Amino acid sequence: MVDGTRVHYIDTGPDNPDAPAVVLIHGSSGNLNDWTFDIVGRLSDRYRVIAFDRPGLGYTDRISPAFEGAANTAAESPQQQAAFLKQAADTLGITRPIVLGHSYGGSVALAWGLDHDPAALVIVSAASNPWPGGLSCSQIATL
C-alpha cells in the first residue's frame, strides 16, 4: 500500500542484499504479467527484479478517485505514475534502481528518470514523443 492505495507487484531475485534492483514498467493496457513470460526469469539470477502493475491496470488501484470509473477517459500522467511507483519502490527499500519501461511504460520510466534519479534507464519502444494527426482508418490497409 502507498498512502492507502493498493499496489500489485512481484519482487524476486538472488539471496544477495547487494544485488542491484531493476524495476520493470509495463506498457499500455498490460500488467506485470507481461514481464513474467521470460524477462523476469532471465534477470532474477543476478538482479532484484520488481515489476509493478501501473495505476488502474492489473491489480493496482487508481491513484485518485478522479481517475476511476469505466467511462472515465482521464488517466494519471506519466509524472504522477512515476512518482507513485517510486514511492512504492521506496516502501520496498529500493533506492536508485535501474528502471526499464516498455511502450507507454517507457514514458513513465522517462518521467522517473527526470524527477527521481534512478541508477539507469532502459527504454524499449517507448511512446515518448508526440506525433501529429493521430490514427485514422485511412492509414490502415486491408487485403
N, C-alpha and C. Protein backbone atom coordinates (compact mmCIF):
# COMPACT_ATOMS: atom_id res chain seq x y z
N MET A 1 0.84 -1.18 0.00
CA MET A 1 0.00 0.00 0.00
C MET A 1 0.89 1.25 0.00
N VAL A 2 0.48 2.21 -0.79
CA VAL A 2 1.11 3.52 -0.80
C VAL A 2 0.02 4.54 -0.49
N ASP A 3 0.13 5.17 0.64
CA ASP A 3 -0.88 6.15 1.08
C ASP A 3 -2.30 5.58 0.96
N GLY A 4 -2.49 4.33 1.35
CA GLY A 4 -3.79 3.69 1.31
C GLY A 4 -4.20 3.15 -0.04
N THR A 5 -3.33 3.25 -1.04
CA THR A 5 -3.62 2.76 -2.38
C THR A 5 -2.92 1.43 -2.60
N ARG A 6 -3.70 0.43 -3.03
CA ARG A 6 -3.14 -0.91 -3.27
C ARG A 6 -2.21 -0.89 -4.47
N VAL A 7 -1.03 -1.50 -4.30
CA VAL A 7 -0.04 -1.64 -5.37
C VAL A 7 0.27 -3.12 -5.53
N HIS A 8 0.05 -3.63 -6.73
CA HIS A 8 0.34 -5.03 -7.02
C HIS A 8 1.73 -5.12 -7.64
N TYR A 9 2.53 -6.06 -7.16
CA TYR A 9 3.89 -6.18 -7.66
C TYR A 9 4.42 -7.58 -7.44
N ILE A 10 5.52 -7.90 -8.13
CA ILE A 10 6.32 -9.08 -7.82
C ILE A 10 7.70 -8.57 -7.47
N ASP A 11 8.38 -9.31 -6.62
CA ASP A 11 9.71 -8.94 -6.14
C ASP A 11 10.48 -10.24 -6.02
N THR A 12 11.46 -10.43 -6.88
CA THR A 12 12.21 -11.68 -6.88
C THR A 12 13.67 -11.40 -7.19
N GLY A 13 14.50 -12.36 -6.92
CA GLY A 13 15.91 -12.20 -7.24
C GLY A 13 16.78 -13.05 -6.35
N PRO A 14 18.08 -12.85 -6.45
CA PRO A 14 19.02 -13.68 -5.69
C PRO A 14 18.96 -13.35 -4.20
N ASP A 15 19.44 -14.27 -3.38
CA ASP A 15 19.53 -14.03 -1.94
C ASP A 15 20.80 -13.25 -1.65
N ASN A 16 20.87 -12.06 -2.24
CA ASN A 16 22.04 -11.21 -2.10
C ASN A 16 21.53 -9.79 -1.86
N PRO A 17 21.69 -9.28 -0.65
CA PRO A 17 21.16 -7.94 -0.37
C PRO A 17 21.85 -6.84 -1.17
N ASP A 18 23.00 -7.14 -1.76
CA ASP A 18 23.72 -6.15 -2.55
C ASP A 18 23.40 -6.21 -4.05
N ALA A 19 22.51 -7.12 -4.44
CA ALA A 19 22.15 -7.24 -5.86
C ALA A 19 21.49 -5.94 -6.32
N PRO A 20 21.87 -5.43 -7.49
CA PRO A 20 21.21 -4.22 -7.99
C PRO A 20 19.74 -4.50 -8.29
N ALA A 21 18.90 -3.49 -8.15
CA ALA A 21 17.47 -3.64 -8.38
C ALA A 21 17.11 -3.14 -9.78
N VAL A 22 16.20 -3.86 -10.41
CA VAL A 22 15.63 -3.47 -11.70
C VAL A 22 14.12 -3.37 -11.51
N VAL A 23 13.56 -2.21 -11.85
CA VAL A 23 12.11 -2.00 -11.79
C VAL A 23 11.59 -2.07 -13.22
N LEU A 24 10.60 -2.92 -13.46
CA LEU A 24 10.01 -3.11 -14.78
C LEU A 24 8.64 -2.44 -14.83
N ILE A 25 8.44 -1.59 -15.85
CA ILE A 25 7.17 -0.87 -16.01
C ILE A 25 6.56 -1.26 -17.35
N HIS A 26 5.41 -1.89 -17.30
CA HIS A 26 4.74 -2.42 -18.50
C HIS A 26 4.09 -1.31 -19.32
N GLY A 27 3.70 -1.67 -20.53
CA GLY A 27 3.09 -0.72 -21.46
C GLY A 27 1.58 -0.60 -21.30
N SER A 28 0.98 0.06 -22.28
CA SER A 28 -0.47 0.33 -22.26
C SER A 28 -1.28 -0.95 -22.20
N SER A 29 -2.33 -0.89 -21.45
CA SER A 29 -3.31 -1.97 -21.34
C SER A 29 -2.72 -3.30 -20.90
N GLY A 30 -1.52 -3.28 -20.36
CA GLY A 30 -0.88 -4.50 -19.89
C GLY A 30 -0.93 -4.60 -18.39
N ASN A 31 -0.09 -5.48 -17.87
CA ASN A 31 0.10 -5.61 -16.43
C ASN A 31 1.44 -6.27 -16.20
N LEU A 32 1.80 -6.47 -14.95
CA LEU A 32 3.12 -7.01 -14.65
C LEU A 32 3.35 -8.39 -15.23
N ASN A 33 2.29 -9.12 -15.53
CA ASN A 33 2.45 -10.45 -16.12
C ASN A 33 3.13 -10.40 -17.49
N ASP A 34 3.09 -9.24 -18.15
CA ASP A 34 3.80 -9.10 -19.43
C ASP A 34 5.28 -9.42 -19.26
N TRP A 35 5.82 -9.17 -18.07
CA TRP A 35 7.25 -9.40 -17.81
C TRP A 35 7.55 -10.82 -17.37
N THR A 36 6.56 -11.56 -16.90
CA THR A 36 6.83 -12.87 -16.29
C THR A 36 6.98 -13.99 -17.31
N PHE A 37 6.69 -13.73 -18.57
CA PHE A 37 6.82 -14.79 -19.57
C PHE A 37 8.28 -15.19 -19.76
N ASP A 38 9.22 -14.23 -19.64
CA ASP A 38 10.60 -14.58 -19.89
C ASP A 38 11.61 -13.68 -19.18
N ILE A 39 11.42 -12.37 -19.23
CA ILE A 39 12.47 -11.45 -18.78
C ILE A 39 12.75 -11.53 -17.29
N VAL A 40 11.73 -11.72 -16.46
CA VAL A 40 11.96 -11.83 -15.01
C VAL A 40 12.89 -13.01 -14.74
N GLY A 41 12.63 -14.13 -15.35
CA GLY A 41 13.47 -15.31 -15.16
C GLY A 41 14.90 -15.11 -15.65
N ARG A 42 15.06 -14.35 -16.71
CA ARG A 42 16.40 -14.10 -17.25
C ARG A 42 17.22 -13.14 -16.39
N LEU A 43 16.53 -12.27 -15.65
CA LEU A 43 17.24 -11.27 -14.85
C LEU A 43 17.40 -11.65 -13.37
N SER A 44 16.50 -12.48 -12.86
CA SER A 44 16.41 -12.68 -11.41
C SER A 44 17.57 -13.47 -10.80
N ASP A 45 18.47 -14.02 -11.61
CA ASP A 45 19.62 -14.70 -11.02
C ASP A 45 20.69 -13.72 -10.57
N ARG A 46 20.67 -12.48 -11.13
CA ARG A 46 21.70 -11.50 -10.77
C ARG A 46 21.16 -10.14 -10.35
N TYR A 47 19.85 -9.92 -10.50
CA TYR A 47 19.23 -8.66 -10.12
C TYR A 47 18.03 -8.93 -9.22
N ARG A 48 17.77 -7.98 -8.32
CA ARG A 48 16.48 -7.96 -7.64
C ARG A 48 15.52 -7.36 -8.65
N VAL A 49 14.51 -8.11 -9.03
CA VAL A 49 13.58 -7.69 -10.09
C VAL A 49 12.22 -7.39 -9.47
N ILE A 50 11.76 -6.17 -9.71
CA ILE A 50 10.46 -5.74 -9.22
C ILE A 50 9.64 -5.31 -10.43
N ALA A 51 8.48 -5.88 -10.59
CA ALA A 51 7.55 -5.46 -11.64
C ALA A 51 6.27 -5.00 -10.96
N PHE A 52 5.83 -3.81 -11.33
CA PHE A 52 4.61 -3.24 -10.77
C PHE A 52 3.50 -3.25 -11.82
N ASP A 53 2.24 -3.41 -11.37
CA ASP A 53 1.10 -3.04 -12.20
C ASP A 53 1.01 -1.52 -12.12
N ARG A 54 0.90 -0.86 -13.26
CA ARG A 54 0.74 0.59 -13.25
C ARG A 54 -0.64 0.95 -12.69
N PRO A 55 -0.81 2.18 -12.19
CA PRO A 55 -2.09 2.59 -11.61
C PRO A 55 -3.28 2.36 -12.56
N GLY A 56 -4.31 1.69 -12.03
CA GLY A 56 -5.52 1.44 -12.80
C GLY A 56 -5.42 0.23 -13.71
N LEU A 57 -4.29 -0.44 -13.73
CA LEU A 57 -4.12 -1.62 -14.57
C LEU A 57 -3.73 -2.81 -13.70
N GLY A 58 -4.08 -4.02 -14.14
CA GLY A 58 -3.83 -5.18 -13.30
C GLY A 58 -4.57 -5.02 -11.99
N TYR A 59 -3.85 -5.23 -10.89
CA TYR A 59 -4.47 -5.15 -9.57
C TYR A 59 -4.05 -3.92 -8.77
N THR A 60 -3.40 -2.96 -9.41
CA THR A 60 -3.06 -1.71 -8.73
C THR A 60 -4.23 -0.75 -8.87
N ASP A 61 -4.60 -0.13 -7.75
CA ASP A 61 -5.71 0.82 -7.76
C ASP A 61 -5.31 2.12 -8.45
N ARG A 62 -6.30 2.89 -8.81
CA ARG A 62 -6.07 4.24 -9.31
C ARG A 62 -5.48 5.09 -8.19
N ILE A 63 -4.68 6.07 -8.54
CA ILE A 63 -4.06 6.95 -7.56
C ILE A 63 -5.10 7.82 -6.87
N SER A 64 -6.13 8.21 -7.62
CA SER A 64 -7.13 9.13 -7.10
C SER A 64 -8.51 8.72 -7.61
N PRO A 65 -9.56 8.97 -6.85
CA PRO A 65 -10.92 8.71 -7.35
C PRO A 65 -11.25 9.51 -8.60
N ALA A 66 -10.51 10.59 -8.85
CA ALA A 66 -10.75 11.40 -10.05
C ALA A 66 -10.50 10.61 -11.33
N PHE A 67 -9.76 9.50 -11.24
CA PHE A 67 -9.44 8.71 -12.42
C PHE A 67 -10.26 7.42 -12.51
N GLU A 68 -11.17 7.19 -11.59
CA GLU A 68 -11.92 5.94 -11.55
C GLU A 68 -13.17 5.98 -12.42
N GLY A 69 -13.69 4.80 -12.74
CA GLY A 69 -14.93 4.67 -13.49
C GLY A 69 -14.69 4.17 -14.89
N ALA A 70 -15.54 3.27 -15.33
CA ALA A 70 -15.38 2.64 -16.64
C ALA A 70 -15.48 3.63 -17.79
N ALA A 71 -16.27 4.68 -17.64
CA ALA A 71 -16.45 5.64 -18.72
C ALA A 71 -15.50 6.84 -18.62
N ASN A 72 -14.66 6.84 -17.62
CA ASN A 72 -13.74 7.95 -17.39
C ASN A 72 -12.55 7.82 -18.33
N THR A 73 -12.32 8.81 -19.15
CA THR A 73 -11.18 8.76 -20.08
C THR A 73 -9.95 9.45 -19.50
N ALA A 74 -10.05 10.00 -18.30
CA ALA A 74 -8.88 10.60 -17.65
C ALA A 74 -7.97 9.50 -17.13
N ALA A 75 -6.69 9.79 -17.07
CA ALA A 75 -5.72 8.83 -16.54
C ALA A 75 -4.58 9.59 -15.90
N GLU A 76 -3.86 8.91 -15.04
CA GLU A 76 -2.71 9.50 -14.39
C GLU A 76 -1.65 9.84 -15.44
N SER A 77 -1.00 10.97 -15.28
CA SER A 77 0.07 11.36 -16.20
C SER A 77 1.29 10.47 -15.96
N PRO A 78 2.21 10.44 -16.92
CA PRO A 78 3.46 9.70 -16.67
C PRO A 78 4.17 10.19 -15.39
N GLN A 79 4.15 11.49 -15.14
CA GLN A 79 4.80 12.02 -13.94
C GLN A 79 4.12 11.52 -12.67
N GLN A 80 2.79 11.50 -12.67
CA GLN A 80 2.06 11.00 -11.50
C GLN A 80 2.33 9.51 -11.29
N GLN A 81 2.34 8.74 -12.37
CA GLN A 81 2.61 7.31 -12.26
C GLN A 81 4.03 7.06 -11.76
N ALA A 82 5.00 7.81 -12.30
CA ALA A 82 6.39 7.64 -11.87
C ALA A 82 6.55 7.96 -10.39
N ALA A 83 5.95 9.05 -9.94
CA ALA A 83 6.05 9.42 -8.52
C ALA A 83 5.43 8.35 -7.63
N PHE A 84 4.29 7.82 -8.06
CA PHE A 84 3.59 6.78 -7.30
C PHE A 84 4.43 5.50 -7.23
N LEU A 85 4.95 5.06 -8.39
CA LEU A 85 5.74 3.83 -8.41
C LEU A 85 7.07 4.01 -7.68
N LYS A 86 7.64 5.19 -7.74
CA LYS A 86 8.86 5.47 -6.98
C LYS A 86 8.57 5.36 -5.49
N GLN A 87 7.42 5.87 -5.06
CA GLN A 87 7.04 5.77 -3.65
C GLN A 87 6.84 4.30 -3.26
N ALA A 88 6.27 3.51 -4.16
CA ALA A 88 6.11 2.07 -3.90
C ALA A 88 7.48 1.41 -3.78
N ALA A 89 8.41 1.76 -4.66
CA ALA A 89 9.76 1.22 -4.59
C ALA A 89 10.44 1.62 -3.28
N ASP A 90 10.26 2.86 -2.87
CA ASP A 90 10.82 3.32 -1.60
C ASP A 90 10.29 2.48 -0.44
N THR A 91 9.00 2.17 -0.48
CA THR A 91 8.37 1.36 0.57
C THR A 91 9.01 -0.02 0.65
N LEU A 92 9.47 -0.53 -0.49
CA LEU A 92 10.13 -1.85 -0.54
C LEU A 92 11.62 -1.76 -0.23
N GLY A 93 12.11 -0.56 0.06
CA GLY A 93 13.52 -0.39 0.38
C GLY A 93 14.43 -0.33 -0.84
N ILE A 94 13.86 0.01 -1.99
CA ILE A 94 14.63 0.07 -3.23
C ILE A 94 15.09 1.50 -3.44
N THR A 95 16.39 1.68 -3.55
CA THR A 95 16.94 3.01 -3.82
C THR A 95 17.74 2.97 -5.11
N ARG A 96 17.55 3.97 -5.94
CA ARG A 96 18.27 4.14 -7.21
C ARG A 96 18.29 2.86 -8.06
N PRO A 97 17.13 2.33 -8.42
CA PRO A 97 17.09 1.14 -9.26
C PRO A 97 17.42 1.47 -10.72
N ILE A 98 17.67 0.45 -11.48
CA ILE A 98 17.64 0.52 -12.94
C ILE A 98 16.16 0.47 -13.28
N VAL A 99 15.66 1.41 -14.05
CA VAL A 99 14.24 1.45 -14.39
C VAL A 99 14.09 1.14 -15.87
N LEU A 100 13.33 0.10 -16.17
CA LEU A 100 13.09 -0.33 -17.55
C LEU A 100 11.62 -0.15 -17.86
N GLY A 101 11.32 0.61 -18.91
CA GLY A 101 9.95 0.83 -19.32
C GLY A 101 9.74 0.45 -20.78
N HIS A 102 8.62 -0.19 -21.04
CA HIS A 102 8.26 -0.60 -22.40
C HIS A 102 7.02 0.14 -22.85
N SER A 103 7.01 0.61 -24.10
CA SER A 103 5.87 1.27 -24.70
C SER A 103 5.45 2.47 -23.84
N TYR A 104 4.18 2.54 -23.43
CA TYR A 104 3.77 3.66 -22.59
C TYR A 104 4.52 3.65 -21.25
N GLY A 105 4.90 2.47 -20.79
CA GLY A 105 5.73 2.38 -19.60
C GLY A 105 7.07 3.07 -19.79
N GLY A 106 7.51 3.20 -21.04
CA GLY A 106 8.73 3.96 -21.34
C GLY A 106 8.56 5.42 -21.01
N SER A 107 7.38 5.97 -21.25
CA SER A 107 7.10 7.35 -20.87
C SER A 107 7.14 7.52 -19.36
N VAL A 108 6.59 6.54 -18.66
CA VAL A 108 6.62 6.58 -17.20
C VAL A 108 8.07 6.47 -16.70
N ALA A 109 8.84 5.59 -17.32
CA ALA A 109 10.26 5.45 -16.95
C ALA A 109 11.03 6.74 -17.21
N LEU A 110 10.76 7.40 -18.34
CA LEU A 110 11.42 8.67 -18.63
C LEU A 110 11.06 9.73 -17.58
N ALA A 111 9.80 9.76 -17.17
CA ALA A 111 9.40 10.70 -16.11
C ALA A 111 10.12 10.36 -14.80
N TRP A 112 10.27 9.08 -14.50
CA TRP A 112 11.01 8.66 -13.32
C TRP A 112 12.44 9.19 -13.42
N GLY A 113 13.04 9.03 -14.59
CA GLY A 113 14.41 9.50 -14.78
C GLY A 113 14.56 10.99 -14.62
N LEU A 114 13.59 11.75 -15.10
CA LEU A 114 13.66 13.20 -14.99
C LEU A 114 13.47 13.70 -13.57
N ASP A 115 12.63 13.00 -12.80
CA ASP A 115 12.23 13.51 -11.49
C ASP A 115 12.83 12.79 -10.29
N HIS A 116 13.38 11.57 -10.48
CA HIS A 116 13.68 10.75 -9.30
C HIS A 116 15.05 10.09 -9.29
N ASP A 117 15.95 10.41 -10.20
CA ASP A 117 17.35 9.97 -10.17
C ASP A 117 17.57 8.46 -10.01
N PRO A 118 17.11 7.67 -10.98
CA PRO A 118 17.42 6.23 -10.93
C PRO A 118 18.90 6.00 -11.24
N ALA A 119 19.37 4.78 -11.02
CA ALA A 119 20.74 4.43 -11.38
C ALA A 119 20.92 4.44 -12.89
N ALA A 120 19.89 4.00 -13.61
CA ALA A 120 19.93 3.95 -15.08
C ALA A 120 18.52 3.82 -15.61
N LEU A 121 18.35 4.17 -16.88
CA LEU A 121 17.08 3.98 -17.58
C LEU A 121 17.30 3.07 -18.77
N VAL A 122 16.35 2.17 -18.98
CA VAL A 122 16.32 1.35 -20.19
C VAL A 122 14.94 1.57 -20.79
N ILE A 123 14.91 2.10 -21.99
CA ILE A 123 13.66 2.45 -22.64
C ILE A 123 13.51 1.57 -23.87
N VAL A 124 12.41 0.80 -23.92
CA VAL A 124 12.19 -0.14 -25.01
C VAL A 124 10.92 0.26 -25.76
N SER A 125 11.07 0.66 -27.01
CA SER A 125 9.93 1.04 -27.86
C SER A 125 9.00 2.01 -27.15
N ALA A 126 9.57 3.04 -26.55
CA ALA A 126 8.79 3.96 -25.72
C ALA A 126 7.91 4.87 -26.55
N ALA A 127 6.72 5.11 -26.03
CA ALA A 127 5.84 6.16 -26.55
C ALA A 127 6.32 7.44 -25.88
N SER A 128 7.32 8.08 -26.48
CA SER A 128 8.00 9.18 -25.79
C SER A 128 7.92 10.53 -26.50
N ASN A 129 7.40 10.54 -27.71
CA ASN A 129 7.32 11.79 -28.47
C ASN A 129 5.93 11.94 -29.07
N PRO A 130 5.42 13.16 -29.11
CA PRO A 130 4.11 13.36 -29.75
C PRO A 130 4.22 13.13 -31.25
N TRP A 131 3.12 12.75 -31.86
CA TRP A 131 3.10 12.62 -33.31
C TRP A 131 1.88 13.37 -33.83
N PRO A 132 2.01 14.00 -34.96
CA PRO A 132 0.90 14.80 -35.48
C PRO A 132 -0.24 13.94 -36.02
N GLY A 133 -1.42 14.44 -35.89
CA GLY A 133 -2.57 13.81 -36.54
C GLY A 133 -3.30 12.77 -35.76
N GLY A 134 -2.62 11.76 -35.31
CA GLY A 134 -3.30 10.65 -34.65
C GLY A 134 -3.49 9.51 -35.64
N LEU A 135 -4.29 8.54 -35.27
CA LEU A 135 -4.53 7.37 -36.09
C LEU A 135 -5.91 7.49 -36.75
N SER A 136 -5.99 7.04 -37.98
CA SER A 136 -7.28 7.03 -38.66
C SER A 136 -7.41 5.75 -39.45
N CYS A 137 -8.63 5.42 -39.79
CA CYS A 137 -8.87 4.21 -40.57
C CYS A 137 -8.24 4.29 -41.95
N SER A 138 -8.04 5.49 -42.48
CA SER A 138 -7.44 5.62 -43.82
C SER A 138 -5.98 5.20 -43.81
N GLN A 139 -5.37 5.10 -42.64
CA GLN A 139 -3.99 4.69 -42.54
C GLN A 139 -3.84 3.19 -42.44
N ILE A 140 -4.94 2.47 -42.34
CA ILE A 140 -4.91 1.03 -42.18
C ILE A 140 -5.21 0.37 -43.52
N ALA A 141 -4.32 -0.49 -43.97
CA ALA A 141 -4.51 -1.17 -45.24
C ALA A 141 -5.23 -2.50 -45.01
N THR A 142 -6.01 -2.90 -45.97
CA THR A 142 -6.67 -4.20 -45.91
C THR A 142 -6.36 -4.95 -47.19
N LEU A 143 -6.44 -6.24 -47.11
CA LEU A 143 -6.21 -7.10 -48.29
C LEU A 143 -7.52 -7.64 -48.80
